[in-house]
Amino acid sequence: MKDRPCRASARLRRAFELIRERFVTALSLDEIALHVGLDKFQLIRAFRDQLGVTPYAYVTQLRIGRARALLTRGVPPSEIAARVGLYDQSQLNRHFKRIVGITPGQFARAVV
């Protein structure tokens, strides 16, 4: 019984690695769960326990982090949504403002 947390941690590490490798592409919860040998409900629970967020929220945070990096390098906000795996610029604006507190355009002007 003592090795269960270790196995769960190893599985969760594999899930993190897969997500970090592929967060700009479509990646389903079922696909991640299958990759690490958990069902999707176990995966969601493990994510919440470890990070305090769901896998979807983790992917969104990675995407917004990449968007911030691209904006810092001078990439126009209009080009970023597709580069980070978001559907369109309005989705980028909505998530960016919720997580960062300002719009991508405001962020871009502030870092110039």
PDB file of N, CA and C in Angstrom:
ATOM      1  N   MET A   1       0.813  -1.207   0.000  1.00  0.00           N
ATOM      2  CA  MET A   1       0.000   0.000   0.000  1.00  0.00           C
ATOM      3  C   MET A   1       0.854   1.268   0.000  1.00  0.00           C
ATOM      4  N   LYS A   2       2.036   1.215   0.613  1.00  0.00           N
ATOM      5  CA  LYS A   2       2.850   2.413   0.703  1.00  0.00           C
ATOM      6  C   LYS A   2       3.320   2.925  -0.656  1.00  0.00           C
ATOM      7  N   ASP A   3       3.456   2.054  -1.662  1.00  0.00           N
ATOM      8  CA  ASP A   3       3.970   2.507  -2.952  1.00  0.00           C
ATOM      9  C   ASP A   3       2.887   3.121  -3.832  1.00  0.00           C
ATOM     10  N   ARG A   4       1.654   3.142  -3.418  1.00  0.00           N
ATOM     11  CA  ARG A   4       0.589   3.751  -4.222  1.00  0.00           C
ATOM     12  C   ARG A   4       0.826   5.235  -4.490  1.00  0.00           C
ATOM     13  N   PRO A   5       1.162   6.053  -3.472  1.00  0.00           N
ATOM     14  CA  PRO A   5       1.424   7.459  -3.764  1.00  0.00           C
ATOM     15  C   PRO A   5       2.571   7.650  -4.755  1.00  0.00           C
ATOM     16  N   CYS A   6       3.603   6.809  -4.666  1.00  0.00           N
ATOM     17  CA  CYS A   6       4.726   6.916  -5.595  1.00  0.00           C
ATOM     18  C   CYS A   6       4.276   6.606  -7.012  1.00  0.00           C
ATOM     19  N   ARG A   7       3.472   5.556  -7.167  1.00  0.00           N
ATOM     20  CA  ARG A   7       2.970   5.207  -8.502  1.00  0.00           C
ATOM     21  C   ARG A   7       2.067   6.313  -9.033  1.00  0.00           C
ATOM     22  N   ALA A   8       1.230   6.859  -8.172  1.00  0.00           N
ATOM     23  CA  ALA A   8       0.354   7.955  -8.593  1.00  0.00           C
ATOM     24  C   ALA A   8       1.191   9.168  -8.985  1.00  0.00           C
ATOM     25  N   SER A   9       2.238   9.455  -8.231  1.00  0.00           N
ATOM     26  CA  SER A   9       3.105  10.590  -8.554  1.00  0.00           C
ATOM     27  C   SER A   9       3.818  10.380  -9.878  1.00  0.00           C
ATOM     28  N   ALA A  10       4.285   9.165 -10.126  1.00  0.00           N
ATOM     29  CA  ALA A  10       4.947   8.869 -11.399  1.00  0.00           C
ATOM     30  C   ALA A  10       3.961   9.026 -12.555  1.00  0.00           C
ATOM     31  N   ARG A  11       2.758   8.564 -12.371  1.00  0.00           N
ATOM     32  CA  ARG A  11       1.738   8.713 -13.414  1.00  0.00           C
ATOM     33  C   ARG A  11       1.413  10.178 -13.652  1.00  0.00           C
ATOM     34  N   LEU A  12       1.322  10.920 -12.584  1.00  0.00           N
ATOM     35  CA  LEU A  12       1.026  12.339 -12.710  1.00  0.00           C
ATOM     36  C   LEU A  12       2.179  13.068 -13.402  1.00  0.00           C
ATOM     37  N   ARG A  13       3.404  12.707 -13.098  1.00  0.00           N
ATOM     38  CA  ARG A  13       4.558  13.296 -13.790  1.00  0.00           C
ATOM     39  C   ARG A  13       4.488  13.020 -15.289  1.00  0.00           C
ATOM     40  N   ARG A  14       4.101  11.784 -15.652  1.00  0.00           N
ATOM     41  CA  ARG A  14       3.965  11.456 -17.079  1.00  0.00           C
ATOM     42  C   ARG A  14       2.850  12.286 -17.715  1.00  0.00           C
ATOM     43  N   ALA A  15       1.780  12.517 -16.978  1.00  0.00           N
ATOM     44  CA  ALA A  15       0.691  13.357 -17.495  1.00  0.00           C
ATOM     45  C   ALA A  15       1.183  14.785 -17.703  1.00  0.00           C
ATOM     46  N   PHE A  16       1.926  15.342 -16.736  1.00  0.00           N
ATOM     47  CA  PHE A  16       2.473  16.691 -16.868  1.00  0.00           C
ATOM     48  C   PHE A  16       3.377  16.782 -18.094  1.00  0.00           C
ATOM     49  N   GLU A  17       4.231  15.773 -18.274  1.00  0.00           N
ATOM     50  CA  GLU A  17       5.155  15.773 -19.412  1.00  0.00           C
ATOM     51  C   GLU A  17       4.400  15.759 -20.735  1.00  0.00           C
ATOM     52  N   LEU A  18       3.394  14.893 -20.833  1.00  0.00           N
ATOM     53  CA  LEU A  18       2.610  14.816 -22.060  1.00  0.00           C
ATOM     54  C   LEU A  18       1.913  16.141 -22.345  1.00  0.00           C
ATOM     55  N   ILE A  19       1.330  16.717 -21.334  1.00  0.00           N
ATOM     56  CA  ILE A  19       0.623  17.990 -21.511  1.00  0.00           C
ATOM     57  C   ILE A  19       1.587  19.086 -21.919  1.00  0.00           C
ATOM     58  N   ARG A  20       2.739  19.165 -21.257  1.00  0.00           N
ATOM     59  CA  ARG A  20       3.717  20.213 -21.608  1.00  0.00           C
ATOM     60  C   ARG A  20       4.240  20.035 -23.028  1.00  0.00           C
ATOM     61  N   GLU A  21       4.360  18.795 -23.489  1.00  0.00           N
ATOM     62  CA  GLU A  21       4.823  18.546 -24.858  1.00  0.00           C
ATOM     63  C   GLU A  21       3.773  18.920 -25.892  1.00  0.00           C
ATOM     64  N   ARG A  22       2.497  18.751 -25.550  1.00  0.00           N
ATOM     65  CA  ARG A  22       1.446  18.858 -26.567  1.00  0.00           C
ATOM     66  C   ARG A  22       0.356  19.868 -26.257  1.00  0.00           C
ATOM     67  N   PHE A  23       0.596  20.822 -25.366  1.00  0.00           N
ATOM     68  CA  PHE A  23      -0.490  21.712 -24.958  1.00  0.00           C
ATOM     69  C   PHE A  23      -0.996  22.622 -26.070  1.00  0.00           C
ATOM     70  N   VAL A  24      -0.237  22.799 -27.136  1.00  0.00           N
ATOM     71  CA  VAL A  24      -0.729  23.645 -28.228  1.00  0.00           C
ATOM     72  C   VAL A  24      -1.575  22.863 -29.225  1.00  0.00           C
ATOM     73  N   THR A  25      -1.664  21.558 -29.057  1.00  0.00           N
ATOM     74  CA  THR A  25      -2.507  20.739 -29.925  1.00  0.00           C
ATOM     75  C   THR A  25      -3.695  20.219 -29.128  1.00  0.00           C
ATOM     76  N   ALA A  26      -4.672  19.702 -29.852  1.00  0.00           N
ATOM     77  CA  ALA A  26      -5.843  19.117 -29.177  1.00  0.00           C
ATOM     78  C   ALA A  26      -5.400  17.862 -28.426  1.00  0.00           C
ATOM     79  N   LEU A  27      -5.715  17.806 -27.169  1.00  0.00           N
ATOM     80  CA  LEU A  27      -5.338  16.683 -26.321  1.00  0.00           C
ATOM     81  C   LEU A  27      -6.511  16.416 -25.390  1.00  0.00           C
ATOM     82  N   SER A  28      -7.141  15.268 -25.544  1.00  0.00           N
ATOM     83  CA  SER A  28      -8.334  14.986 -24.743  1.00  0.00           C
ATOM     84  C   SER A  28      -7.962  14.419 -23.375  1.00  0.00           C
ATOM     85  N   LEU A  29      -8.864  14.582 -22.454  1.00  0.00           N
ATOM     86  CA  LEU A  29      -8.694  14.024 -21.119  1.00  0.00           C
ATOM     87  C   LEU A  29      -8.572  12.506 -21.186  1.00  0.00           C
ATOM     88  N   ASP A  30      -9.366  11.877 -22.047  1.00  0.00           N
ATOM     89  CA  ASP A  30      -9.286  10.422 -22.218  1.00  0.00           C
ATOM     90  C   ASP A  30      -7.907   9.997 -22.711  1.00  0.00           C
ATOM     91  N   GLU A  31      -7.342  10.772 -23.619  1.00  0.00           N
ATOM     92  CA  GLU A  31      -6.020  10.449 -24.163  1.00  0.00           C
ATOM     93  C   GLU A  31      -4.937  10.546 -23.086  1.00  0.00           C
ATOM     94  N   ILE A  32      -5.009  11.563 -22.271  1.00  0.00           N
ATOM     95  CA  ILE A  32      -4.037  11.725 -21.184  1.00  0.00           C
ATOM     96  C   ILE A  32      -4.183  10.582 -20.181  1.00  0.00           C
ATOM     97  N   ALA A  33      -5.418  10.297 -19.809  1.00  0.00           N
ATOM     98  CA  ALA A  33      -5.685   9.238 -18.828  1.00  0.00           C
ATOM     99  C   ALA A  33      -5.188   7.889 -19.341  1.00  0.00           C
ATOM    100  N   LEU A  34      -5.442   7.594 -20.593  1.00  0.00           N
ATOM    101  CA  LEU A  34      -4.976   6.343 -21.183  1.00  0.00           C
ATOM    102  C   LEU A  34      -3.456   6.279 -21.185  1.00  0.00           C
ATOM    103  N   HIS A  35      -2.807   7.380 -21.503  1.00  0.00           N
ATOM    104  CA  HIS A  35      -1.347   7.453 -21.554  1.00  0.00           C
ATOM    105  C   HIS A  35      -0.711   7.124 -20.202  1.00  0.00           C
ATOM    106  N   VAL A  36      -1.364   7.532 -19.121  1.00  0.00           N
ATOM    107  CA  VAL A  36      -0.771   7.344 -17.793  1.00  0.00           C
ATOM    108  C   VAL A  36      -1.376   6.185 -17.012  1.00  0.00           C
ATOM    109  N   GLY A  37      -2.377   5.520 -17.570  1.00  0.00           N
ATOM    110  CA  GLY A  37      -2.947   4.350 -16.915  1.00  0.00           C
ATOM    111  C   GLY A  37      -3.916   4.652 -15.789  1.00  0.00           C
ATOM    112  N   LEU A  38      -4.605   5.770 -15.884  1.00  0.00           N
ATOM    113  CA  LEU A  38      -5.645   6.119 -14.915  1.00  0.00           C
ATOM    114  C   LEU A  38      -6.941   6.336 -15.673  1.00  0.00           C
ATOM    115  N   ASP A  39      -8.071   6.278 -14.962  1.00  0.00           N
ATOM    116  CA  ASP A  39      -9.283   6.716 -15.652  1.00  0.00           C
ATOM    117  C   ASP A  39      -9.357   8.238 -15.512  1.00  0.00           C
ATOM    118  N   LYS A  40     -10.193   8.863 -16.304  1.00  0.00           N
ATOM    119  CA  LYS A  40     -10.184  10.325 -16.335  1.00  0.00           C
ATOM    120  C   LYS A  40     -10.591  10.959 -15.008  1.00  0.00           C
ATOM    121  N   PHE A  41     -11.404  10.262 -14.226  1.00  0.00           N
ATOM    122  CA  PHE A  41     -11.813  10.817 -12.937  1.00  0.00           C
ATOM    123  C   PHE A  41     -10.664  10.759 -11.928  1.00  0.00           C
ATOM    124  N   GLN A  42      -9.882   9.683 -11.969  1.00  0.00           N
ATOM    125  CA  GLN A  42      -8.687   9.596 -11.116  1.00  0.00           C
ATOM    126  C   GLN A  42      -7.682  10.679 -11.505  1.00  0.00           C
ATOM    127  N   LEU A  43      -7.548  10.890 -12.810  1.00  0.00           N
ATOM    128  CA  LEU A  43      -6.622  11.910 -13.303  1.00  0.00           C
ATOM    129  C   LEU A  43      -7.034  13.301 -12.820  1.00  0.00           C
ATOM    130  N   ILE A  44      -8.297  13.622 -12.939  1.00  0.00           N
ATOM    131  CA  ILE A  44      -8.785  14.931 -12.486  1.00  0.00           C
ATOM    132  C   ILE A  44      -8.547  15.100 -10.986  1.00  0.00           C
ATOM    133  N   ARG A  45      -8.865  14.048 -10.221  1.00  0.00           N
ATOM    134  CA  ARG A  45      -8.660  14.098  -8.766  1.00  0.00           C
ATOM    135  C   ARG A  45      -7.186  14.299  -8.427  1.00  0.00           C
ATOM    136  N   ALA A  46      -6.308  13.560  -9.113  1.00  0.00           N
ATOM    137  CA  ALA A  46      -4.870  13.676  -8.848  1.00  0.00           C
ATOM    138  C   ALA A  46      -4.366  15.078  -9.175  1.00  0.00           C
ATOM    139  N   PHE A  47      -4.822  15.647 -10.273  1.00  0.00           N
ATOM    140  CA  PHE A  47      -4.436  17.007 -10.632  1.00  0.00           C
ATOM    141  C   PHE A  47      -4.880  17.991  -9.564  1.00  0.00           C
ATOM    142  N   ARG A  48      -6.133  17.878  -9.157  1.00  0.00           N
ATOM    143  CA  ARG A  48      -6.641  18.802  -8.132  1.00  0.00           C
ATOM    144  C   ARG A  48      -5.856  18.669  -6.833  1.00  0.00           C
ATOM    145  N   ASP A  49      -5.571  17.430  -6.441  1.00  0.00           N
ATOM    146  CA  ASP A  49      -4.815  17.209  -5.202  1.00  0.00           C
ATOM    147  C   ASP A  49      -3.404  17.786  -5.300  1.00  0.00           C
ATOM    148  N   GLN A  50      -2.751  17.611  -6.443  1.00  0.00           N
ATOM    149  CA  GLN A  50      -1.361  18.024  -6.621  1.00  0.00           C
ATOM    150  C   GLN A  50      -1.221  19.521  -6.941  1.00  0.00           C
ATOM    151  N   LEU A  51      -2.042  20.022  -7.856  1.00  0.00           N
ATOM    152  CA  LEU A  51      -1.894  21.399  -8.328  1.00  0.00           C
ATOM    153  C   LEU A  51      -3.004  22.343  -7.897  1.00  0.00           C
ATOM    154  N   GLY A  52      -4.119  21.791  -7.477  1.00  0.00           N
ATOM    155  CA  GLY A  52      -5.252  22.628  -7.109  1.00  0.00           C
ATOM    156  C   GLY A  52      -6.080  23.063  -8.300  1.00  0.00           C
ATOM    157  N   VAL A  53      -5.800  22.507  -9.483  1.00  0.00           N
ATOM    158  CA  VAL A  53      -6.554  22.831 -10.696  1.00  0.00           C
ATOM    159  C   VAL A  53      -6.819  21.553 -11.482  1.00  0.00           C
ATOM    160  N   THR A  54      -7.752  21.640 -12.415  1.00  0.00           N
ATOM    161  CA  THR A  54      -8.051  20.512 -13.294  1.00  0.00           C
ATOM    162  C   THR A  54      -7.023  20.464 -14.431  1.00  0.00           C
ATOM    163  N   PRO A  55      -6.952  19.352 -15.143  1.00  0.00           N
ATOM    164  CA  PRO A  55      -6.052  19.306 -16.304  1.00  0.00           C
ATOM    165  C   PRO A  55      -6.357  20.406 -17.321  1.00  0.00           C
ATOM    166  N   TYR A  56      -7.635  20.685 -17.560  1.00  0.00           N
ATOM    167  CA  TYR A  56      -8.004  21.737 -18.508  1.00  0.00           C
ATOM    168  C   TYR A  56      -7.463  23.092 -18.055  1.00  0.00           C
ATOM    169  N   ALA A  57      -7.608  23.400 -16.776  1.00  0.00           N
ATOM    170  CA  ALA A  57      -7.103  24.669 -16.256  1.00  0.00           C
ATOM    171  C   ALA A  57      -5.585  24.728 -16.360  1.00  0.00           C
ATOM    172  N   TYR A  58      -4.922  23.607 -16.143  1.00  0.00           N
ATOM    173  CA  TYR A  58      -3.461  23.545 -16.277  1.00  0.00           C
ATOM    174  C   TYR A  58      -3.041  23.839 -17.714  1.00  0.00           C
ATOM    175  N   VAL A  59      -3.725  23.232 -18.678  1.00  0.00           N
ATOM    176  CA  VAL A  59      -3.435  23.484 -20.092  1.00  0.00           C
ATOM    177  C   VAL A  59      -3.649  24.961 -20.409  1.00  0.00           C
ATOM    178  N   THR A  60      -4.719  25.531 -19.920  1.00  0.00           N
ATOM    179  CA  THR A  60      -5.001  26.947 -20.161  1.00  0.00           C
ATOM    180  C   THR A  60      -3.900  27.819 -19.575  1.00  0.00           C
ATOM    181  N   GLN A  61      -3.432  27.498 -18.382  1.00  0.00           N
ATOM    182  CA  GLN A  61      -2.344  28.265 -17.770  1.00  0.00           C
ATOM    183  C   GLN A  61      -1.065  28.164 -18.599  1.00  0.00           C
ATOM    184  N   LEU A  62      -0.767  26.972 -19.118  1.00  0.00           N
ATOM    185  CA  LEU A  62       0.407  26.826 -19.980  1.00  0.00           C
ATOM    186  C   LEU A  62       0.269  27.671 -21.243  1.00  0.00           C
ATOM    187  N   ARG A  63      -0.905  27.655 -21.831  1.00  0.00           N
ATOM    188  CA  ARG A  63      -1.142  28.429 -23.049  1.00  0.00           C
ATOM    189  C   ARG A  63      -0.984  29.926 -22.797  1.00  0.00           C
ATOM    190  N   ILE A  64      -1.508  30.395 -21.692  1.00  0.00           N
ATOM    191  CA  ILE A  64      -1.399  31.827 -21.378  1.00  0.00           C
ATOM    192  C   ILE A  64       0.054  32.171 -21.035  1.00  0.00           C
ATOM    193  N   GLY A  65       0.752  31.277 -20.385  1.00  0.00           N
ATOM    194  CA  GLY A  65       2.180  31.498 -20.132  1.00  0.00           C
ATOM    195  C   GLY A  65       2.962  31.638 -21.424  1.00  0.00           C
ATOM    196  N   ARG A  66       2.670  30.779 -22.396  1.00  0.00           N
ATOM    197  CA  ARG A  66       3.324  30.878 -23.699  1.00  0.00           C
ATOM    198  C   ARG A  66       2.920  32.175 -24.393  1.00  0.00           C
ATOM    199  N   ALA A  67       1.657  32.562 -24.271  1.00  0.00           N
ATOM    200  CA  ALA A  67       1.197  33.811 -24.878  1.00  0.00           C
ATOM    201  C   ALA A  67       1.957  35.005 -24.294  1.00  0.00           C
ATOM    202  N   ARG A  68       2.166  34.998 -22.999  1.00  0.00           N
ATOM    203  CA  ARG A  68       2.924  36.076 -22.354  1.00  0.00           C
ATOM    204  C   ARG A  68       4.339  36.145 -22.908  1.00  0.00           C
ATOM    205  N   ALA A  69       4.969  34.976 -23.058  1.00  0.00           N
ATOM    206  CA  ALA A  69       6.336  34.934 -23.594  1.00  0.00           C
ATOM    207  C   ALA A  69       6.378  35.474 -25.024  1.00  0.00           C
ATOM    208  N   LEU A  70       5.402  35.089 -25.832  1.00  0.00           N
ATOM    209  CA  LEU A  70       5.354  35.573 -27.214  1.00  0.00           C
ATOM    210  C   LEU A  70       5.116  37.078 -27.273  1.00  0.00           C
ATOM    211  N   LEU A  71       4.234  37.573 -26.434  1.00  0.00           N
ATOM    212  CA  LEU A  71       3.979  39.013 -26.387  1.00  0.00           C
ATOM    213  C   LEU A  71       5.241  39.775 -25.967  1.00  0.00           C
ATOM    214  N   THR A  72       5.970  39.224 -25.025  1.00  0.00           N
ATOM    215  CA  THR A  72       7.208  39.839 -24.559  1.00  0.00           C
ATOM    216  C   THR A  72       8.238  39.912 -25.683  1.00  0.00           C
ATOM    217  N   ARG A  73       8.208  38.929 -26.577  1.00  0.00           N
ATOM    218  CA  ARG A  73       9.141  38.910 -27.713  1.00  0.00           C
ATOM    219  C   ARG A  73       8.645  39.755 -28.887  1.00  0.00           C
ATOM    220  N   GLY A  74       7.492  40.393 -28.737  1.00  0.00           N
ATOM    221  CA  GLY A  74       7.014  41.302 -29.767  1.00  0.00           C
ATOM    222  C   GLY A  74       6.057  40.707 -30.783  1.00  0.00           C
ATOM    223  N   VAL A  75       5.593  39.476 -30.562  1.00  0.00           N
ATOM    224  CA  VAL A  75       4.624  38.882 -31.478  1.00  0.00           C
ATOM    225  C   VAL A  75       3.287  39.598 -31.288  1.00  0.00           C
ATOM    226  N   PRO A  76       2.648  40.013 -32.384  1.00  0.00           N
ATOM    227  CA  PRO A  76       1.362  40.718 -32.261  1.00  0.00           C
ATOM    228  C   PRO A  76       0.276  39.830 -31.649  1.00  0.00           C
ATOM    229  N   PRO A  77      -0.575  40.406 -30.806  1.00  0.00           N
ATOM    230  CA  PRO A  77      -1.645  39.622 -30.182  1.00  0.00           C
ATOM    231  C   PRO A  77      -2.523  38.883 -31.194  1.00  0.00           C
ATOM    232  N   SER A  78      -2.700  39.443 -32.371  1.00  0.00           N
ATOM    233  CA  SER A  78      -3.563  38.816 -33.375  1.00  0.00           C
ATOM    234  C   SER A  78      -3.014  37.482 -33.876  1.00  0.00           C
ATOM    235  N   GLU A  79      -1.726  37.228 -33.701  1.00  0.00           N
ATOM    236  CA  GLU A  79      -1.108  35.984 -34.169  1.00  0.00           C
ATOM    237  C   GLU A  79      -0.985  34.924 -33.077  1.00  0.00           C
ATOM    238  N   ILE A  80      -1.244  35.287 -31.858  1.00  0.00           N
ATOM    239  CA  ILE A  80      -0.889  34.416 -30.741  1.00  0.00           C
ATOM    240  C   ILE A  80      -1.877  33.283 -30.484  1.00  0.00           C
ATOM    241  N   ALA A  81      -3.159  33.512 -30.616  1.00  0.00           N
ATOM    242  CA  ALA A  81      -4.152  32.476 -30.274  1.00  0.00           C
ATOM    243  C   ALA A  81      -3.843  31.157 -30.971  1.00  0.00           C
ATOM    244  N   ALA A  82      -3.637  31.191 -32.259  1.00  0.00           N
ATOM    245  CA  ALA A  82      -3.361  29.960 -33.004  1.00  0.00           C
ATOM    246  C   ALA A  82      -2.036  29.331 -32.586  1.00  0.00           C
ATOM    247  N   ARG A  83      -1.060  30.142 -32.242  1.00  0.00           N
ATOM    248  CA  ARG A  83       0.252  29.618 -31.850  1.00  0.00           C
ATOM    249  C   ARG A  83       0.245  28.906 -30.509  1.00  0.00           C
ATOM    250  N   VAL A  84      -0.699  29.250 -29.661  1.00  0.00           N
ATOM    251  CA  VAL A  84      -0.735  28.634 -28.330  1.00  0.00           C
ATOM    252  C   VAL A  84      -1.853  27.612 -28.174  1.00  0.00           C
ATOM    253  N   GLY A  85      -2.582  27.348 -29.251  1.00  0.00           N
ATOM    254  CA  GLY A  85      -3.609  26.308 -29.203  1.00  0.00           C
ATOM    255  C   GLY A  85      -4.995  26.763 -28.803  1.00  0.00           C
ATOM    256  N   LEU A  86      -5.231  28.063 -28.829  1.00  0.00           N
ATOM    257  CA  LEU A  86      -6.565  28.565 -28.522  1.00  0.00           C
ATOM    258  C   LEU A  86      -7.346  28.746 -29.810  1.00  0.00           C
ATOM    259  N   TYR A  87      -8.655  28.722 -29.687  1.00  0.00           N
ATOM    260  CA  TYR A  87      -9.534  28.741 -30.856  1.00  0.00           C
ATOM    261  C   TYR A  87      -9.451  30.040 -31.645  1.00  0.00           C
ATOM    262  N   ASP A  88      -9.510  31.168 -30.936  1.00  0.00           N
ATOM    263  CA  ASP A  88      -9.467  32.456 -31.619  1.00  0.00           C
ATOM    264  C   ASP A  88      -9.010  33.540 -30.650  1.00  0.00           C
ATOM    265  N   GLN A  89      -8.912  34.759 -31.159  1.00  0.00           N
ATOM    266  CA  GLN A  89      -8.411  35.854 -30.348  1.00  0.00           C
ATOM    267  C   GLN A  89      -9.338  36.188 -29.180  1.00  0.00           C
ATOM    268  N   SER A  90     -10.638  36.008 -29.354  1.00  0.00           N
ATOM    269  CA  SER A  90     -11.544  36.315 -28.243  1.00  0.00           C
ATOM    270  C   SER A  90     -11.340  35.330 -27.089  1.00  0.00           C
ATOM    271  N   GLN A  91     -11.067  34.075 -27.411  1.00  0.00           N
ATOM    272  CA  GLN A  91     -10.772  33.100 -26.361  1.00  0.00           C
ATOM    273  C   GLN A  91      -9.460  33.466 -25.663  1.00  0.00           C
ATOM    274  N   LEU A  92      -8.463  33.877 -26.441  1.00  0.00           N
ATOM    275  CA  LEU A  92      -7.196  34.332 -25.862  1.00  0.00           C
ATOM    276  C   LEU A  92      -7.441  35.507 -24.931  1.00  0.00           C
ATOM    277  N   ASN A  93      -8.193  36.509 -25.408  1.00  0.00           N
ATOM    278  CA  ASN A  93      -8.463  37.695 -24.583  1.00  0.00           C
ATOM    279  C   ASN A  93      -9.156  37.322 -23.280  1.00  0.00           C
ATOM    280  N   ARG A  94     -10.169  36.467 -23.369  1.00  0.00           N
ATOM    281  CA  ARG A  94     -10.938  36.084 -22.186  1.00  0.00           C
ATOM    282  C   ARG A  94     -10.051  35.385 -21.147  1.00  0.00           C
ATOM    283  N   HIS A  95      -9.303  34.366 -21.572  1.00  0.00           N
ATOM    284  CA  HIS A  95      -8.455  33.623 -20.631  1.00  0.00           C
ATOM    285  C   HIS A  95      -7.295  34.483 -20.125  1.00  0.00           C
ATOM    286  N   PHE A  96      -6.700  35.251 -21.012  1.00  0.00           N
ATOM    287  CA  PHE A  96      -5.564  36.097 -20.630  1.00  0.00           C
ATOM    288  C   PHE A  96      -5.985  37.103 -19.567  1.00  0.00           C
ATOM    289  N   LYS A  97      -7.113  37.760 -19.791  1.00  0.00           N
ATOM    290  CA  LYS A  97      -7.573  38.765 -18.821  1.00  0.00           C
ATOM    291  C   LYS A  97      -7.929  38.120 -17.482  1.00  0.00           C
ATOM    292  N   ARG A  98      -8.534  36.937 -17.522  1.00  0.00           N
ATOM    293  CA  ARG A  98      -8.902  36.252 -16.286  1.00  0.00           C
ATOM    294  C   ARG A  98      -7.654  35.851 -15.491  1.00  0.00           C
ATOM    295  N   ILE A  99      -6.617  35.387 -16.182  1.00  0.00           N
ATOM    296  CA  ILE A  99      -5.425  34.882 -15.493  1.00  0.00           C
ATOM    297  C   ILE A  99      -4.424  35.995 -15.172  1.00  0.00           C
ATOM    298  N   VAL A 100      -4.182  36.884 -16.119  1.00  0.00           N
ATOM    299  CA  VAL A 100      -3.157  37.920 -15.961  1.00  0.00           C
ATOM    300  C   VAL A 100      -3.730  39.212 -15.380  1.00  0.00           C
ATOM    301  N   GLY A 101      -5.004  39.475 -15.667  1.00  0.00           N
ATOM    302  CA  GLY A 101      -5.639  40.670 -15.129  1.00  0.00           C
ATOM    303  C   GLY A 101      -5.757  41.809 -16.128  1.00  0.00           C
ATOM    304  N   ILE A 102      -5.099  41.687 -17.272  1.00  0.00           N
ATOM    305  CA  ILE A 102      -5.190  42.673 -18.340  1.00  0.00           C
ATOM    306  C   ILE A 102      -5.282  41.936 -19.672  1.00  0.00           C
ATOM    307  N   THR A 103      -5.658  42.655 -20.720  1.00  0.00           N
ATOM    308  CA  THR A 103      -5.775  42.019 -22.030  1.00  0.00           C
ATOM    309  C   THR A 103      -4.385  41.814 -22.642  1.00  0.00           C
ATOM    310  N   PRO A 104      -4.284  40.940 -23.640  1.00  0.00           N
ATOM    311  CA  PRO A 104      -2.986  40.765 -24.306  1.00  0.00           C
ATOM    312  C   PRO A 104      -2.446  42.061 -24.900  1.00  0.00           C
ATOM    313  N   GLY A 105      -3.319  42.891 -25.477  1.00  0.00           N
ATOM    314  CA  GLY A 105      -2.883  44.169 -26.032  1.00  0.00           C
ATOM    315  C   GLY A 105      -2.312  45.086 -24.968  1.00  0.00           C
ATOM    316  N   GLN A 106      -2.971  45.145 -23.820  1.00  0.00           N
ATOM    317  CA  GLN A 106      -2.472  45.971 -22.715  1.00  0.00           C
ATOM    318  C   GLN A 106      -1.129  45.444 -22.226  1.00  0.00           C
ATOM    319  N   PHE A 107      -1.008  44.125 -22.133  1.00  0.00           N
ATOM    320  CA  PHE A 107       0.243  43.498 -21.706  1.00  0.00           C
ATOM    321  C   PHE A 107       1.359  43.833 -22.695  1.00  0.00           C
ATOM    322  N   ALA A 108       1.074  43.713 -23.987  1.00  0.00           N
ATOM    323  CA  ALA A 108       2.069  43.984 -25.031  1.00  0.00           C
ATOM    324  C   ALA A 108       2.548  45.436 -24.949  1.00  0.00           C
ATOM    325  N   ARG A 109       1.634  46.367 -24.746  1.00  0.00           N
ATOM    326  CA  ARG A 109       2.025  47.776 -24.636  1.00  0.00           C
ATOM    327  C   ARG A 109       2.843  48.031 -23.376  1.00  0.00           C
ATOM    328  N   ALA A 110       2.562  47.309 -22.323  1.00  0.00           N
ATOM    329  CA  ALA A 110       3.279  47.504 -21.061  1.00  0.00           C
ATOM    330  C   ALA A 110       4.710  46.962 -21.105  1.00  0.00           C
ATOM    331  N   VAL A 111       4.966  45.943 -21.904  1.00  0.00           N
ATOM    332  CA  VAL A 111       6.304  45.344 -21.927  1.00  0.00           C
ATOM    333  C   VAL A 111       7.216  45.952 -22.984  1.00  0.00           C
ATOM    334  N   VAL A 112       6.668  46.823 -23.821  1.00  0.00           N
ATOM    335  CA  VAL A 112       7.503  47.450 -24.866  1.00  0.00           C
ATOM    336  C   VAL A 112       8.377  48.513 -24.278  1.00  0.00           C
TER     337      VAL A 112
END
